[in-house]
Amino acid sequence: MNPRVSEVTAIDDYKLQLVFTNGEHGIYDCSDLLDFGVFEELRDKNYFRQARPWHGTVAWPHEQDICPDTLYLDSQKENI
């Protein structure tokens, strides 16, 4: 099983700054999701900034979430 999200911060250009349970840090770009169904609401930058960690993944108030494995595997890892 891949590490899960323990912290999230929404940053510019529809990106999420993530901290994983194994201590790794990454950036996940959500811009490719913004044209798909339930994710269209994330275009509102104020709403996008409401991202929060939830059960190892990232979720928003209206229950949009992203697969935690996708967040880990597709994020650009940072050395901090």
Protein backbone atom coordinates (compact mmCIF):
# COMPACT_ATOMS: atom_id res chain seq x y z
CA MET A 1 0.00 0.00 0.00
CA ASN A 2 1.27 3.46 -0.88
CA PRO A 3 1.67 6.16 1.78
CA ARG A 4 -1.39 8.27 2.49
CA VAL A 5 -1.85 12.03 2.76
CA SER A 6 -1.35 13.49 6.23
CA GLU A 7 -1.28 17.21 5.31
CA VAL A 8 -2.46 19.26 2.34
CA THR A 9 -2.20 22.90 1.31
CA ALA A 10 -3.88 24.25 -1.82
CA ILE A 11 -1.41 26.45 -3.71
CA ASP A 12 -1.44 28.44 -6.96
CA ASP A 13 -2.42 27.01 -10.36
CA TYR A 14 -4.73 24.33 -8.90
CA LYS A 15 -1.91 22.44 -7.24
CA LEU A 16 -1.85 20.66 -3.92
CA GLN A 17 1.20 20.64 -1.69
CA LEU A 18 1.12 17.28 0.08
CA VAL A 19 2.83 15.62 3.02
CA PHE A 20 2.57 11.83 3.08
CA THR A 21 2.56 9.48 6.04
CA ASN A 22 6.08 8.31 5.17
CA GLY A 23 7.39 11.90 5.48
CA GLU A 24 7.70 12.53 1.73
CA HIS A 25 6.48 15.82 0.27
CA GLY A 26 4.92 16.24 -3.16
CA ILE A 27 3.02 18.55 -5.47
CA TYR A 28 -0.06 17.24 -7.26
CA ASP A 29 -1.49 19.21 -10.19
CA CYS A 30 -5.30 19.09 -10.26
CA SER A 31 -5.71 21.18 -13.42
CA ASP A 32 -6.38 18.12 -15.61
CA LEU A 33 -9.40 17.23 -13.43
CA LEU A 34 -11.23 20.54 -13.77
CA ASP A 35 -13.20 19.53 -16.90
CA PHE A 36 -14.63 16.34 -15.39
CA GLY A 37 -18.05 16.21 -13.73
CA VAL A 38 -17.86 16.67 -9.98
CA PHE A 39 -14.40 18.24 -10.21
CA GLU A 40 -15.63 21.24 -12.25
CA GLU A 41 -16.56 22.92 -8.96
CA LEU A 42 -12.84 23.04 -8.09
CA ARG A 43 -12.39 25.77 -10.73
CA ASP A 44 -13.63 28.20 -8.07
CA LYS A 45 -10.31 29.05 -6.42
CA ASN A 46 -11.95 29.86 -3.09
CA TYR A 47 -13.56 26.44 -3.09
CA PHE A 48 -10.35 24.75 -4.25
CA ARG A 49 -8.52 26.23 -1.24
CA GLN A 50 -10.90 24.33 1.06
CA ALA A 51 -9.02 21.07 0.39
CA ARG A 52 -8.40 19.09 3.53
CA PRO A 53 -6.85 15.74 4.45
CA TRP A 54 -9.51 13.09 4.92
CA HIS A 55 -8.93 9.40 5.66
CA GLY A 56 -5.54 9.42 3.92
CA THR A 57 -6.60 11.38 0.87
CA VAL A 58 -7.69 14.93 -0.02
CA ALA A 59 -11.34 15.97 -0.01
CA TRP A 60 -13.48 19.08 -0.42
CA PRO A 61 -16.74 20.05 1.35
CA HIS A 62 -19.04 18.66 -1.36
CA GLU A 63 -17.32 15.26 -1.10
CA GLN A 64 -15.01 15.45 -4.11
CA ASP A 65 -11.90 13.40 -3.42
CA ILE A 66 -8.91 11.99 -5.27
CA CYS A 67 -7.64 8.43 -4.97
CA PRO A 68 -4.77 8.44 -2.44
CA ASP A 69 -2.69 6.14 -4.66
CA THR A 70 -3.06 8.61 -7.54
CA LEU A 71 -1.98 11.47 -5.29
CA TYR A 72 1.15 9.59 -4.24
CA LEU A 73 2.12 8.04 -7.56
CA ASP A 74 1.42 11.10 -9.74
CA SER A 75 2.76 13.83 -7.45
CA GLN A 76 6.07 15.47 -8.13
CA LYS A 77 8.16 14.64 -5.07
CA GLU A 78 10.04 17.45 -3.34
CA ASN A 79 13.22 17.30 -1.33
CA ILE A 80 12.64 19.29 1.83
